[in-house]
Structure formats: structure tokens, C-alpha cells
Amino acid sequence: MSEKPIFSAEHISAGYGRKAVIHDISFSLEPCTLTALIGANGSGKTTLMKCIANQLSHGGKSILLGECLEDMSVKELARKVSYIPQKSGIKISLPVLDVVMMGFNPVMKLMQRPSREQENRAKAALATIGLGGYENIDYLTLSEGQKQLVFLARTLIEDTSLLLLDEPDSALDLQNRYQIMKHLKEMVAEREQAGLLCLHDPILALRFCEQLILLKDGCCVGVLHPAEDSLEKMEVALQEIYGDISLIECTGKNGMRHLTVLWEG
């Protein structure tokens, strides 16, 4: 990992009321990479994501391209950071195309309508993630997996430097999980972005992410780089958060190295 960081989290701490949830977490992200936050339920992944997105009061700083995210207005932050939470929050009937085109809101004036070029970009994004023809479907009638794909399409049209996605794979079937990760990996490489994802599946993280941030009880207990670290080092680190597991290396049809997790007991 030799690139200059595009983003740095510096000593992030936060909680809810008097309950501390995450403690003094620091890490950096490099351009053209995906980083996974992994850990058991309650380890602080979503809380950390909310802090970086400035959705939750916290201590510490988040620095993107030399600028402090905590000092930005909501609209300025939206121009620089794409944040997709676990739940969309959309509770009214809207055509799928309108939901995707919300990605243009940070760069548009009040009451301004999207241009024909922007509309075509939104349609192309839907086609890319396999929802071509869904433009006029009511978003609320979609499955949870389809809703996640719609928000991936929205992310594809946003011109930001940092992607924050909280469990983007949670409602997807196996094929779509790998497809969404493939799209994200290609996108950050092409646009020189950095992506930070909360993931429950360590196999998915090992397959697609250049860096893994391991959280346990609100603390960072390890940082892994699957392309560089030894199998033994990664196995020991993952056992810290998942218990008795084994890490297995195999070779895919394309000759690339793949890692999988064998759960013991």
C-alpha cells in the first residue's frame, strides 16, 4: 500500500448517550481501493460509518483530500462523500429513476430539474446493475435486494471522492453480492475514489478489498492487506474477531489467488 492516502480517520470516538461504542479509531484509505470494516454484531461498524458521514456527534477528525469533513455543510459534504446507509429512509412512492437521480441533488440548484444528459446517465447506471427497464417502477414495491441495487446505481452517477456503504450486500443473493462488489471495485479504480464498506462476510472482504479494518468491542484490533499479508498473519487476526476459524488459499479459474474461511466447530 504505497499510494498517498485520500482519506484519514483520526482518533474517532463516539457513543449514544453515556454509552461509549467506538474508541480512538484511526486508519487511512488510499485512492483506487476498497476497504472493509469487519467484525461481529455490535463491534461498532455502523457507528464508525455514521461518524465519518457526520451523521453522529463524535470526537476526532475525518480528513478527505486535506479538508475536514466535520467543518463542511451538509450540501458540501454530499458533493464529496457518497453515503449509503443500511436503510434508504424513503417511505413515499417514487419512480426508480427519480431515486437514482437524487444522486445529482448536491450539484443542482433549488427546484432545478435534471437535464436530459443526467437522465440518460441515470438510465445507463440502472442498466449497468441489471435493472434496465425499471425506471418507472415504484421504488417501494421492490425487494430489499433490488432497493440496494437502485442505490448502487445512484452511487454510480455521483461524482464524489469517498464512498461509504453500510452493508451493501445484506439483502442480495450470492450472484448479486459478487456483482455489486465487482462494480464497486471497477468504479473506484476508474475514478480514483476510495470506498469504505461495512461487511459481514469476511470471504467477500478478502476477495474484493485491498484493506480490512478489524473491529472488536469498539476498538480496531487489526488491519489486513490480503494481497500482501501472509496466510498465517491473516488467520490469527481473523480469529481475534471470529473465534476458531481457518483460512484457506485456493486458485481461481483465472489463476488469481482467492482466500476462503473455514468455520470450525
C-alpha atoms as a PDB file:
ATOM      1  CA  MET A   1       0.000   0.000   0.000  1.00  0.00           C
ATOM      2  CA  SER A   2       2.193   2.816  -1.247  1.00  0.00           C
ATOM      3  CA  GLU A   3      -0.214   5.478  -2.565  1.00  0.00           C
ATOM      4  CA  LYS A   4      -0.721   8.722  -0.690  1.00  0.00           C
ATOM      5  CA  PRO A   5      -3.919   8.442   1.419  1.00  0.00           C
ATOM      6  CA  ILE A   6      -7.019  10.127   0.052  1.00  0.00           C
ATOM      7  CA  PHE A   7      -8.770   9.914   3.440  1.00  0.00           C
ATOM      8  CA  SER A   8      -7.739   9.617   7.076  1.00  0.00           C
ATOM      9  CA  ALA A   9      -9.822   8.918  10.165  1.00  0.00           C
ATOM     10  CA  GLU A  10      -8.026  10.370  13.176  1.00  0.00           C
ATOM     11  CA  HIS A  11      -8.846   9.176  16.710  1.00  0.00           C
ATOM     12  CA  ILE A  12     -12.587   8.705  16.143  1.00  0.00           C
ATOM     13  CA  SER A  13     -14.577   8.027  19.319  1.00  0.00           C
ATOM     14  CA  ALA A  14     -18.356   8.070  19.776  1.00  0.00           C
ATOM     15  CA  GLY A  15     -21.321   6.605  21.567  1.00  0.00           C
ATOM     16  CA  TYR A  16     -25.006   7.008  22.318  1.00  0.00           C
ATOM     17  CA  GLY A  17     -25.861   8.957  25.440  1.00  0.00           C
ATOM     18  CA  ARG A  18     -23.378   7.904  28.116  1.00  0.00           C
ATOM     19  CA  LYS A  19     -22.587   4.610  26.428  1.00  0.00           C
ATOM     20  CA  ALA A  20     -19.266   4.640  24.562  1.00  0.00           C
ATOM     21  CA  VAL A  21     -19.365   2.493  21.408  1.00  0.00           C
ATOM     22  CA  ILE A  22     -16.136   3.153  19.476  1.00  0.00           C
ATOM     23  CA  HIS A  23     -12.804   4.159  20.956  1.00  0.00           C
ATOM     24  CA  ASP A  24      -9.913   6.104  19.404  1.00  0.00           C
ATOM     25  CA  ILE A  25     -10.034   4.567  15.906  1.00  0.00           C
ATOM     26  CA  SER A  26      -7.547   5.750  13.275  1.00  0.00           C
ATOM     27  CA  PHE A  27      -6.876   4.493   9.750  1.00  0.00           C
ATOM     28  CA  SER A  28      -6.330   5.762   6.210  1.00  0.00           C
ATOM     29  CA  LEU A  29      -7.704   4.942   2.760  1.00  0.00           C
ATOM     30  CA  GLU A  30      -5.810   5.095  -0.499  1.00  0.00           C
ATOM     31  CA  PRO A  31      -7.264   6.037  -3.901  1.00  0.00           C
ATOM     32  CA  CYS A  32      -8.500   3.260  -6.202  1.00  0.00           C
ATOM     33  CA  THR A  33      -9.108   0.891  -3.271  1.00  0.00           C
ATOM     34  CA  LEU A  34     -11.910  -0.721  -1.299  1.00  0.00           C
ATOM     35  CA  THR A  35     -11.608  -1.131   2.464  1.00  0.00           C
ATOM     36  CA  ALA A  36     -13.897  -3.351   4.532  1.00  0.00           C
ATOM     37  CA  LEU A  37     -14.930  -2.755   8.123  1.00  0.00           C
ATOM     38  CA  ILE A  38     -15.482  -6.227   9.545  1.00  0.00           C
ATOM     39  CA  GLY A  39     -16.415  -7.511  12.980  1.00  0.00           C
ATOM     40  CA  ALA A  40     -19.176  -9.191  14.939  1.00  0.00           C
ATOM     41  CA  ASN A  41     -22.554  -7.556  15.514  1.00  0.00           C
ATOM     42  CA  GLY A  42     -22.171  -4.675  17.963  1.00  0.00           C
ATOM     43  CA  SER A  43     -18.486  -4.141  17.206  1.00  0.00           C
ATOM     44  CA  GLY A  44     -19.075  -0.534  16.113  1.00  0.00           C
ATOM     45  CA  LYS A  45     -19.010  -0.749  12.302  1.00  0.00           C
ATOM     46  CA  THR A  46     -22.167   1.256  11.633  1.00  0.00           C
ATOM     47  CA  THR A  47     -21.380   3.771  14.376  1.00  0.00           C
ATOM     48  CA  LEU A  48     -17.967   4.446  12.838  1.00  0.00           C
ATOM     49  CA  MET A  49     -19.541   4.824   9.398  1.00  0.00           C
ATOM     50  CA  LYS A  50     -22.061   7.353  10.761  1.00  0.00           C
ATOM     51  CA  CYS A  51     -19.246   9.366  12.349  1.00  0.00           C
ATOM     52  CA  ILE A  52     -17.314   9.609   9.103  1.00  0.00           C
ATOM     53  CA  ALA A  53     -20.513  10.636   7.294  1.00  0.00           C
ATOM     54  CA  ASN A  54     -21.004  13.291  10.003  1.00  0.00           C
ATOM     55  CA  GLN A  55     -24.341  11.746  10.956  1.00  0.00           C
ATOM     56  CA  LEU A  56     -23.353  11.279  14.611  1.00  0.00           C
ATOM     57  CA  SER A  57     -21.613  13.556  17.096  1.00  0.00           C
ATOM     58  CA  HIS A  58     -18.098  12.276  17.783  1.00  0.00           C
ATOM     59  CA  GLY A  59     -14.565  13.043  18.838  1.00  0.00           C
ATOM     60  CA  GLY A  60     -11.668  13.042  16.384  1.00  0.00           C
ATOM     61  CA  LYS A  61     -11.472  14.130  12.768  1.00  0.00           C
ATOM     62  CA  SER A  62     -12.147  12.803   9.271  1.00  0.00           C
ATOM     63  CA  ILE A  63      -9.826  14.296   6.657  1.00  0.00           C
ATOM     64  CA  LEU A  64     -10.624  13.960   2.936  1.00  0.00           C
ATOM     65  CA  LEU A  65      -8.098  15.392   0.470  1.00  0.00           C
ATOM     66  CA  GLY A  66      -6.804  17.734   3.145  1.00  0.00           C
ATOM     67  CA  GLU A  67     -10.249  19.003   4.215  1.00  0.00           C
ATOM     68  CA  CYS A  68     -12.004  18.262   7.498  1.00  0.00           C
ATOM     69  CA  LEU A  69     -15.419  16.695   6.886  1.00  0.00           C
ATOM     70  CA  GLU A  70     -16.692  17.871  10.265  1.00  0.00           C
ATOM     71  CA  ASP A  71     -16.328  21.506   9.109  1.00  0.00           C
ATOM     72  CA  MET A  72     -18.409  21.063   5.940  1.00  0.00           C
ATOM     73  CA  SER A  73     -22.049  21.971   5.358  1.00  0.00           C
ATOM     74  CA  VAL A  74     -24.463  19.157   4.566  1.00  0.00           C
ATOM     75  CA  LYS A  75     -24.524  20.016   0.853  1.00  0.00           C
ATOM     76  CA  GLU A  76     -20.739  20.431   0.607  1.00  0.00           C
ATOM     77  CA  LEU A  77     -20.256  17.068   2.299  1.00  0.00           C
ATOM     78  CA  ALA A  78     -22.708  15.451  -0.146  1.00  0.00           C
ATOM     79  CA  ARG A  79     -20.613  16.723  -3.064  1.00  0.00           C
ATOM     80  CA  LYS A  80     -17.554  14.947  -1.737  1.00  0.00           C
ATOM     81  CA  VAL A  81     -18.907  11.841   0.028  1.00  0.00           C
ATOM     82  CA  SER A  82     -21.456   9.243  -1.106  1.00  0.00           C
ATOM     83  CA  TYR A  83     -23.085   7.717   1.986  1.00  0.00           C
ATOM     84  CA  ILE A  84     -25.472   4.790   1.625  1.00  0.00           C
ATOM     85  CA  PRO A  85     -26.886   3.620   4.994  1.00  0.00           C
ATOM     86  CA  GLN A  86     -28.439   0.229   5.674  1.00  0.00           C
ATOM     87  CA  LYS A  87     -31.948   1.611   5.140  1.00  0.00           C
ATOM     88  CA  SER A  88     -32.752   4.202   2.491  1.00  0.00           C
ATOM     89  CA  GLY A  89     -35.303   6.113   4.559  1.00  0.00           C
ATOM     90  CA  ILE A  90     -37.546   6.524   1.503  1.00  0.00           C
ATOM     91  CA  LYS A  91     -41.156   5.942   2.572  1.00  0.00           C
ATOM     92  CA  ILE A  92     -43.109   7.613  -0.232  1.00  0.00           C
ATOM     93  CA  SER A  93     -43.840   6.255  -3.687  1.00  0.00           C
ATOM     94  CA  LEU A  94     -41.252   7.381  -6.220  1.00  0.00           C
ATOM     95  CA  PRO A  95     -40.254   6.024  -9.625  1.00  0.00           C
ATOM     96  CA  VAL A  96     -36.947   4.156  -9.511  1.00  0.00           C
ATOM     97  CA  LEU A  97     -35.416   6.658 -11.941  1.00  0.00           C
ATOM     98  CA  ASP A  98     -36.203   9.560  -9.584  1.00  0.00           C
ATOM     99  CA  VAL A  99     -34.483   7.763  -6.703  1.00  0.00           C
ATOM    100  CA  VAL A 100     -31.357   7.267  -8.803  1.00  0.00           C
ATOM    101  CA  MET A 101     -31.379  10.896  -9.956  1.00  0.00           C
ATOM    102  CA  MET A 102     -31.291  12.030  -6.310  1.00  0.00           C
ATOM    103  CA  GLY A 103     -27.580  11.470  -6.754  1.00  0.00           C
ATOM    104  CA  PHE A 104     -27.465  14.738  -8.706  1.00  0.00           C
ATOM    105  CA  ASN A 105     -29.061  16.819  -5.912  1.00  0.00           C
ATOM    106  CA  PRO A 106     -25.775  18.077  -4.388  1.00  0.00           C
ATOM    107  CA  VAL A 107     -24.763  19.731  -7.674  1.00  0.00           C
ATOM    108  CA  MET A 108     -28.173  21.183  -8.578  1.00  0.00           C
ATOM    109  CA  LYS A 109     -29.883  24.408  -7.588  1.00  0.00           C
ATOM    110  CA  LEU A 110     -33.149  24.529  -5.659  1.00  0.00           C
ATOM    111  CA  MET A 111     -36.090  23.382  -7.838  1.00  0.00           C
ATOM    112  CA  GLN A 112     -33.766  22.646 -10.773  1.00  0.00           C
ATOM    113  CA  ARG A 113     -34.775  19.626 -12.839  1.00  0.00           C
ATOM    114  CA  PRO A 114     -32.251  17.054 -14.053  1.00  0.00           C
ATOM    115  CA  SER A 115     -31.099  17.536 -17.630  1.00  0.00           C
ATOM    116  CA  ARG A 116     -31.646  15.024 -20.423  1.00  0.00           C
ATOM    117  CA  GLU A 117     -27.958  14.100 -20.164  1.00  0.00           C
ATOM    118  CA  GLN A 118     -28.318  13.431 -16.433  1.00  0.00           C
ATOM    119  CA  GLU A 119     -31.441  11.362 -17.032  1.00  0.00           C
ATOM    120  CA  ASN A 120     -29.594   9.266 -19.609  1.00  0.00           C
ATOM    121  CA  ARG A 121     -26.727   8.741 -17.154  1.00  0.00           C
ATOM    122  CA  ALA A 122     -29.191   7.521 -14.541  1.00  0.00           C
ATOM    123  CA  LYS A 123     -30.798   5.095 -17.006  1.00  0.00           C
ATOM    124  CA  ALA A 124     -27.363   3.794 -18.018  1.00  0.00           C
ATOM    125  CA  ALA A 125     -26.491   3.232 -14.349  1.00  0.00           C
ATOM    126  CA  LEU A 126     -29.652   1.175 -13.859  1.00  0.00           C
ATOM    127  CA  ALA A 127     -28.796  -0.895 -16.924  1.00  0.00           C
ATOM    128  CA  THR A 128     -25.288  -1.457 -15.583  1.00  0.00           C
ATOM    129  CA  ILE A 129     -26.546  -3.033 -12.361  1.00  0.00           C
ATOM    130  CA  GLY A 130     -29.170  -5.142 -14.121  1.00  0.00           C
ATOM    131  CA  LEU A 131     -32.283  -3.004 -13.593  1.00  0.00           C
ATOM    132  CA  GLY A 132     -32.723  -1.621 -17.066  1.00  0.00           C
ATOM    133  CA  GLY A 133     -36.450  -1.180 -17.715  1.00  0.00           C
ATOM    134  CA  TYR A 134     -37.240  -0.477 -14.048  1.00  0.00           C
ATOM    135  CA  GLU A 135     -37.172   3.308 -14.480  1.00  0.00           C
ATOM    136  CA  ASN A 136     -40.914   3.829 -13.914  1.00  0.00           C
ATOM    137  CA  ILE A 137     -41.438   1.099 -11.303  1.00  0.00           C
ATOM    138  CA  ASP A 138     -42.462   2.286  -7.810  1.00  0.00           C
ATOM    139  CA  TYR A 139     -39.350   2.063  -5.619  1.00  0.00           C
ATOM    140  CA  LEU A 140     -41.419   0.920  -2.611  1.00  0.00           C
ATOM    141  CA  THR A 141     -42.611  -2.210  -4.467  1.00  0.00           C
ATOM    142  CA  LEU A 142     -39.066  -3.516  -4.974  1.00  0.00           C
ATOM    143  CA  SER A 143     -37.458  -6.254  -2.926  1.00  0.00           C
ATOM    144  CA  GLU A 144     -34.835  -5.194  -0.388  1.00  0.00           C
ATOM    145  CA  GLY A 145     -32.140  -6.545  -2.686  1.00  0.00           C
ATOM    146  CA  GLN A 146     -33.449  -4.552  -5.640  1.00  0.00           C
ATOM    147  CA  LYS A 147     -33.550  -1.416  -3.467  1.00  0.00           C
ATOM    148  CA  GLN A 148     -29.882  -1.905  -2.663  1.00  0.00           C
ATOM    149  CA  LEU A 149     -29.113  -2.180  -6.367  1.00  0.00           C
ATOM    150  CA  VAL A 150     -31.018   1.063  -7.034  1.00  0.00           C
ATOM    151  CA  PHE A 151     -28.824   2.840  -4.503  1.00  0.00           C
ATOM    152  CA  LEU A 152     -25.742   1.351  -6.098  1.00  0.00           C
ATOM    153  CA  ALA A 153     -26.946   2.893  -9.371  1.00  0.00           C
ATOM    154  CA  ARG A 154     -27.318   6.218  -7.563  1.00  0.00           C
ATOM    155  CA  THR A 155     -23.742   5.877  -6.338  1.00  0.00           C
ATOM    156  CA  LEU A 156     -22.548   5.232  -9.895  1.00  0.00           C
ATOM    157  CA  ILE A 157     -23.728   8.670 -11.040  1.00  0.00           C
ATOM    158  CA  GLU A 158     -22.372  10.639  -8.082  1.00  0.00           C
ATOM    159  CA  ASP A 159     -19.081  12.456  -8.601  1.00  0.00           C
ATOM    160  CA  THR A 160     -17.521  12.056  -5.146  1.00  0.00           C
ATOM    161  CA  SER A 161     -14.110  11.114  -3.780  1.00  0.00           C
ATOM    162  CA  LEU A 162     -15.236   8.850  -0.919  1.00  0.00           C
ATOM    163  CA  LEU A 163     -17.855   6.074  -0.915  1.00  0.00           C
ATOM    164  CA  LEU A 164     -19.381   4.947   2.388  1.00  0.00           C
ATOM    165  CA  LEU A 165     -21.624   1.891   2.111  1.00  0.00           C
ATOM    166  CA  ASP A 166     -23.144   0.215   5.161  1.00  0.00           C
ATOM    167  CA  GLU A 167     -23.764  -3.473   4.382  1.00  0.00           C
ATOM    168  CA  PRO A 168     -24.420  -3.015   0.637  1.00  0.00           C
ATOM    169  CA  ASP A 169     -24.666  -6.795   0.245  1.00  0.00           C
ATOM    170  CA  SER A 170     -27.024  -7.647   3.120  1.00  0.00           C
ATOM    171  CA  ALA A 171     -30.196  -8.316   1.089  1.00  0.00           C
ATOM    172  CA  LEU A 172     -28.571  -9.627  -2.076  1.00  0.00           C
ATOM    173  CA  ASP A 173     -28.319 -13.190  -3.341  1.00  0.00           C
ATOM    174  CA  LEU A 174     -24.906 -14.759  -3.917  1.00  0.00           C
ATOM    175  CA  GLN A 175     -24.583 -13.746  -7.573  1.00  0.00           C
ATOM    176  CA  ASN A 176     -25.602 -10.136  -6.961  1.00  0.00           C
ATOM    177  CA  ARG A 177     -23.266  -9.862  -3.972  1.00  0.00           C
ATOM    178  CA  TYR A 178     -20.316 -10.601  -6.202  1.00  0.00           C
ATOM    179  CA  GLN A 179     -21.654  -8.388  -8.987  1.00  0.00           C
ATOM    180  CA  ILE A 180     -22.106  -5.367  -6.724  1.00  0.00           C
ATOM    181  CA  MET A 181     -18.592  -5.783  -5.329  1.00  0.00           C
ATOM    182  CA  LYS A 182     -17.195  -6.147  -8.843  1.00  0.00           C
ATOM    183  CA  HIS A 183     -18.929  -2.903  -9.912  1.00  0.00           C
ATOM    184  CA  LEU A 184     -17.610  -1.061  -6.863  1.00  0.00           C
ATOM    185  CA  LYS A 185     -14.070  -2.295  -7.369  1.00  0.00           C
ATOM    186  CA  GLU A 186     -14.080  -1.235 -11.017  1.00  0.00           C
ATOM    187  CA  MET A 187     -15.637   2.135 -10.168  1.00  0.00           C
ATOM    188  CA  VAL A 188     -13.126   3.197  -7.504  1.00  0.00           C
ATOM    189  CA  ALA A 189     -10.249   2.170  -9.761  1.00  0.00           C
ATOM    190  CA  GLU A 190     -11.592   4.088 -12.739  1.00  0.00           C
ATOM    191  CA  ARG A 191     -12.471   7.249 -10.779  1.00  0.00           C
ATOM    192  CA  GLU A 192      -9.560   7.150  -8.309  1.00  0.00           C
ATOM    193  CA  GLN A 193     -12.000   7.074  -5.398  1.00  0.00           C
ATOM    194  CA  ALA A 194     -11.751   5.305  -2.060  1.00  0.00           C
ATOM    195  CA  GLY A 195     -14.518   3.036  -0.810  1.00  0.00           C
ATOM    196  CA  LEU A 196     -15.270   2.074   2.798  1.00  0.00           C
ATOM    197  CA  LEU A 197     -17.780  -0.742   3.297  1.00  0.00           C
ATOM    198  CA  CYS A 198     -19.308  -2.406   6.340  1.00  0.00           C
ATOM    199  CA  LEU A 199     -19.363  -6.121   5.514  1.00  0.00           C
ATOM    200  CA  HIS A 200     -20.464  -9.163   7.490  1.00  0.00           C
ATOM    201  CA  ASP A 201     -18.944 -11.688   5.088  1.00  0.00           C
ATOM    202  CA  PRO A 202     -15.140 -11.963   5.541  1.00  0.00           C
ATOM    203  CA  ILE A 203     -14.872 -14.078   2.386  1.00  0.00           C
ATOM    204  CA  LEU A 204     -16.336 -11.223   0.329  1.00  0.00           C
ATOM    205  CA  ALA A 205     -13.996  -8.761   2.032  1.00  0.00           C
ATOM    206  CA  LEU A 206     -10.927 -10.918   1.383  1.00  0.00           C
ATOM    207  CA  ARG A 207     -11.917 -11.385  -2.251  1.00  0.00           C
ATOM    208  CA  PHE A 208     -12.549  -7.768  -3.241  1.00  0.00           C
ATOM    209  CA  CYS A 209     -10.977  -5.400  -0.703  1.00  0.00           C
ATOM    210  CA  GLU A 210      -7.400  -4.190  -0.615  1.00  0.00           C
ATOM    211  CA  GLN A 211      -7.640  -3.471   3.109  1.00  0.00           C
ATOM    212  CA  LEU A 212      -9.616  -4.873   6.052  1.00  0.00           C
ATOM    213  CA  ILE A 213     -10.176  -2.921   9.291  1.00  0.00           C
ATOM    214  CA  LEU A 214     -10.965  -5.381  12.097  1.00  0.00           C
ATOM    215  CA  LEU A 215     -13.240  -4.111  14.875  1.00  0.00           C
ATOM    216  CA  LYS A 216     -13.957  -5.739  18.223  1.00  0.00           C
ATOM    217  CA  ASP A 217     -15.787  -4.136  21.151  1.00  0.00           C
ATOM    218  CA  GLY A 218     -15.497  -0.743  19.507  1.00  0.00           C
ATOM    219  CA  CYS A 219     -11.735  -0.893  19.022  1.00  0.00           C
ATOM    220  CA  CYS A 220      -9.556  -1.508  15.984  1.00  0.00           C
ATOM    221  CA  VAL A 221      -7.757  -4.797  16.699  1.00  0.00           C
ATOM    222  CA  GLY A 222      -6.017  -5.205  13.351  1.00  0.00           C
ATOM    223  CA  VAL A 223      -5.520  -4.026   9.777  1.00  0.00           C
ATOM    224  CA  LEU A 224      -5.008  -6.557   6.986  1.00  0.00           C
ATOM    225  CA  HIS A 225      -3.934  -6.288   3.346  1.00  0.00           C
ATOM    226  CA  PRO A 226      -4.931  -9.581   1.670  1.00  0.00           C
ATOM    227  CA  ALA A 227      -2.603  -9.165  -1.335  1.00  0.00           C
ATOM    228  CA  GLU A 228       0.436  -8.662   0.876  1.00  0.00           C
ATOM    229  CA  ASP A 229      -0.053 -10.304   4.273  1.00  0.00           C
ATOM    230  CA  SER A 230       0.810 -13.922   4.993  1.00  0.00           C
ATOM    231  CA  LEU A 231      -1.922 -16.503   5.408  1.00  0.00           C
ATOM    232  CA  GLU A 232      -0.810 -17.081   8.999  1.00  0.00           C
ATOM    233  CA  LYS A 233      -0.991 -13.394   9.928  1.00  0.00           C
ATOM    234  CA  MET A 234      -4.472 -13.008   8.460  1.00  0.00           C
ATOM    235  CA  GLU A 235      -5.733 -16.207  10.100  1.00  0.00           C
ATOM    236  CA  VAL A 236      -4.561 -15.112  13.548  1.00  0.00           C
ATOM    237  CA  ALA A 237      -6.090 -11.649  13.109  1.00  0.00           C
ATOM    238  CA  LEU A 238      -9.442 -13.014  11.929  1.00  0.00           C
ATOM    239  CA  GLN A 239      -9.545 -15.465  14.826  1.00  0.00           C
ATOM    240  CA  GLU A 240      -9.428 -12.444  17.138  1.00  0.00           C
ATOM    241  CA  ILE A 241     -12.908 -11.410  15.990  1.00  0.00           C
ATOM    242  CA  TYR A 242     -14.476 -14.643  14.690  1.00  0.00           C
ATOM    243  CA  GLY A 243     -13.077 -17.293  17.030  1.00  0.00           C
ATOM    244  CA  ASP A 244     -11.922 -20.719  15.860  1.00  0.00           C
ATOM    245  CA  ILE A 245     -11.567 -20.435  12.080  1.00  0.00           C
ATOM    246  CA  SER A 246      -9.076 -21.472   9.416  1.00  0.00           C
ATOM    247  CA  LEU A 247      -8.070 -19.518   6.341  1.00  0.00           C
ATOM    248  CA  ILE A 248      -7.637 -21.466   3.099  1.00  0.00           C
ATOM    249  CA  GLU A 249      -5.906 -20.302  -0.057  1.00  0.00           C
ATOM    250  CA  CYS A 250      -7.031 -21.527  -3.460  1.00  0.00           C
ATOM    251  CA  THR A 251      -6.568 -20.600  -7.101  1.00  0.00           C
ATOM    252  CA  GLY A 252      -9.475 -19.492  -9.256  1.00  0.00           C
ATOM    253  CA  LYS A 253     -10.077 -20.321 -12.918  1.00  0.00           C
ATOM    254  CA  ASN A 254      -8.339 -17.084 -13.858  1.00  0.00           C
ATOM    255  CA  GLY A 255      -5.246 -18.142 -11.935  1.00  0.00           C
ATOM    256  CA  MET A 256      -5.777 -15.478  -9.274  1.00  0.00           C
ATOM    257  CA  ARG A 257      -5.296 -16.097  -5.572  1.00  0.00           C
ATOM    258  CA  HIS A 258      -8.522 -16.480  -3.596  1.00  0.00           C
ATOM    259  CA  LEU A 259      -8.990 -16.840   0.134  1.00  0.00           C
ATOM    260  CA  THR A 260     -11.865 -18.519   1.920  1.00  0.00           C
ATOM    261  CA  VAL A 261     -12.781 -19.086   5.547  1.00  0.00           C
ATOM    262  CA  LEU A 262     -13.447 -22.477   7.124  1.00  0.00           C
ATOM    263  CA  TRP A 263     -15.543 -22.208  10.255  1.00  0.00           C
ATOM    264  CA  GLU A 264     -14.522 -24.696  12.931  1.00  0.00           C
ATOM    265  CA  GLY A 265     -16.872 -26.227  15.464  1.00  0.00           C
END
